[in-house]
Amino acid sequence: MSLAQTSEKRLLELQGLEELRLEAYENFKTYKEKTKLIHDKSLVRKDFKVGQKVLFFNSRLQLMPSKHKSKWLGPFEVINIFPYGIVEIRSLETGKEFKVNGHRVKIFNEGEVNLAHSSLVLNSPSFT
């Protein structure tokens, strides 16, 4: 083989490698787009309204953590909603106002039964 043929063959191999690299890049882009669409479909948007009651997640480290105690505090009232997920809330008990990240807040459903404070009366069985 001559030097010209060898260099032409090498250039064709390099061009083939470049085409494979570009194809892999395009496949990766389409994979990322599809993955993002699937992820975005599974997200649940939290839309808060002013005056709505919410619960606040207390994530502070405690010295004696209780695994049966709820870390959700509240209820709080939404006062203002800022861009980028910031929510201003007011405590219904103390009236204290502060801003929190919207990820640390969830909607308070008043109609739910609190099982920790409910009781069930049992009558003794009658044997007749």
Protein backbone atom coordinates (compact mmCIF):
# COMPACT_ATOMS: atom_id res chain seq x y z
CA MET A 1 0.00 0.00 0.00
CA SER A 2 1.20 3.43 -0.80
CA LEU A 3 1.41 6.33 1.59
CA ALA A 4 -1.50 8.16 -0.12
CA GLN A 5 -3.79 5.12 0.17
CA THR A 6 -2.90 4.62 3.82
CA SER A 7 -3.57 8.26 4.69
CA GLU A 8 -6.91 8.19 2.79
CA LYS A 9 -7.93 5.00 4.64
CA ARG A 10 -6.98 6.61 7.98
CA LEU A 11 -9.06 9.74 7.15
CA LEU A 12 -12.09 7.56 6.31
CA GLU A 13 -11.73 5.74 9.66
CA LEU A 14 -11.52 9.06 11.50
CA GLN A 15 -14.60 10.31 9.67
CA GLY A 16 -16.46 7.10 10.62
CA LEU A 17 -15.47 7.59 14.27
CA GLU A 18 -16.68 11.21 14.15
CA GLU A 19 -20.05 10.05 12.74
CA LEU A 20 -20.38 7.45 15.52
CA ARG A 21 -19.58 10.11 18.13
CA LEU A 22 -22.21 12.51 16.72
CA GLU A 23 -24.80 9.70 16.59
CA ALA A 24 -24.06 8.79 20.23
CA TYR A 25 -24.41 12.47 21.20
CA GLU A 26 -27.82 12.71 19.48
CA ASN A 27 -28.99 9.48 21.15
CA PHE A 28 -27.91 10.82 24.52
CA LYS A 29 -29.82 14.08 23.92
CA THR A 30 -33.04 12.24 23.04
CA TYR A 31 -32.61 9.94 26.07
CA LYS A 32 -32.21 12.95 28.40
CA GLU A 33 -35.29 14.66 26.91
CA LYS A 34 -37.44 11.54 27.35
CA THR A 35 -36.17 11.03 30.91
CA LYS A 36 -36.99 14.65 31.77
CA LEU A 37 -40.53 14.31 30.36
CA ILE A 38 -41.14 11.18 32.43
CA HIS A 39 -39.77 12.86 35.56
CA ASP A 40 -41.83 16.02 35.03
CA LYS A 41 -45.02 13.97 34.62
CA SER A 42 -44.52 12.37 38.03
CA LEU A 43 -44.03 15.68 39.86
CA VAL A 44 -46.92 16.95 41.96
CA ARG A 45 -47.33 20.70 41.90
CA LYS A 46 -48.21 22.39 45.17
CA ASP A 47 -50.38 25.39 44.46
CA PHE A 48 -51.07 27.37 47.60
CA LYS A 49 -53.61 30.17 47.95
CA VAL A 50 -53.58 33.09 50.36
CA GLY A 51 -55.67 32.25 53.43
CA GLN A 52 -55.25 28.49 53.00
CA LYS A 53 -54.27 26.38 56.03
CA VAL A 54 -51.04 24.40 55.74
CA LEU A 55 -48.72 22.22 57.83
CA PHE A 56 -45.00 22.98 58.20
CA PHE A 57 -42.30 20.27 58.26
CA ASN A 58 -39.99 20.67 61.25
CA SER A 59 -36.64 19.24 60.15
CA ARG A 60 -34.53 20.42 63.10
CA LEU A 61 -32.36 17.83 64.74
CA GLN A 62 -33.68 16.87 68.16
CA LEU A 63 -31.69 15.43 71.03
CA MET A 64 -34.27 12.77 71.88
CA PRO A 65 -36.11 12.03 68.63
CA SER A 66 -39.38 10.19 68.91
CA LYS A 67 -40.13 8.02 65.93
CA HIS A 68 -43.88 8.05 66.60
CA LYS A 69 -44.16 11.81 66.91
CA SER A 70 -45.18 13.73 63.81
CA LYS A 71 -42.68 16.23 62.45
CA TRP A 72 -45.45 18.28 60.82
CA LEU A 73 -46.32 21.40 62.81
CA GLY A 74 -49.39 23.53 62.43
CA PRO A 75 -51.80 24.51 61.23
CA PHE A 76 -50.45 27.72 59.71
CA GLU A 77 -52.15 30.23 57.42
CA VAL A 78 -50.66 31.27 54.07
CA ILE A 79 -50.19 35.05 54.01
CA ASN A 80 -48.23 35.64 50.83
CA ILE A 81 -46.79 33.63 47.95
CA PHE A 82 -43.51 34.73 46.38
CA PRO A 83 -41.84 33.57 43.16
CA TYR A 84 -39.57 30.51 43.11
CA GLY A 85 -41.60 28.55 45.69
CA ILE A 86 -41.28 30.79 48.75
CA VAL A 87 -44.37 30.92 50.98
CA GLU A 88 -44.98 33.30 53.88
CA ILE A 89 -47.01 31.69 56.66
CA ARG A 90 -48.47 32.78 60.01
CA SER A 91 -48.98 30.57 63.04
CA LEU A 92 -52.62 30.39 64.09
CA GLU A 93 -51.59 29.90 67.72
CA THR A 94 -48.91 32.56 68.22
CA GLY A 95 -49.42 34.86 65.24
CA LYS A 96 -45.71 34.64 64.35
CA GLU A 97 -44.99 35.17 60.64
CA PHE A 98 -42.07 33.75 58.64
CA LYS A 99 -41.06 32.71 55.13
CA VAL A 100 -40.38 29.08 54.21
CA ASN A 101 -39.57 27.02 51.17
CA GLY A 102 -42.74 25.62 49.55
CA HIS A 103 -41.28 22.10 49.68
CA ARG A 104 -41.49 22.17 53.49
CA VAL A 105 -45.23 22.93 53.49
CA LYS A 106 -48.25 20.75 52.70
CA ILE A 107 -51.99 21.42 52.61
CA PHE A 108 -53.84 20.93 55.91
CA ASN A 109 -57.01 18.84 55.64
CA GLU A 110 -59.27 19.68 58.56
CA GLY A 111 -61.73 16.87 57.91
CA GLU A 112 -59.30 14.09 58.76
CA VAL A 113 -59.60 12.22 62.06
CA ASN A 114 -56.54 12.41 64.29
CA LEU A 115 -56.05 8.83 65.51
CA ALA A 116 -53.59 9.90 68.20
CA HIS A 117 -56.30 11.81 70.09
CA SER A 118 -59.34 9.64 69.36
CA SER A 119 -60.57 7.00 71.76
CA LEU A 120 -62.62 3.86 71.44
CA VAL A 121 -64.88 2.75 74.27
CA LEU A 122 -65.00 -0.99 74.83
CA ASN A 123 -67.79 -2.62 76.78
CA SER A 124 -67.15 -5.72 78.80
CA PRO A 125 -68.62 -8.83 77.16
CA SER A 126 -71.76 -10.27 78.62
CA PHE A 127 -71.88 -14.04 79.03
CA THR A 128 -75.48 -15.16 78.97
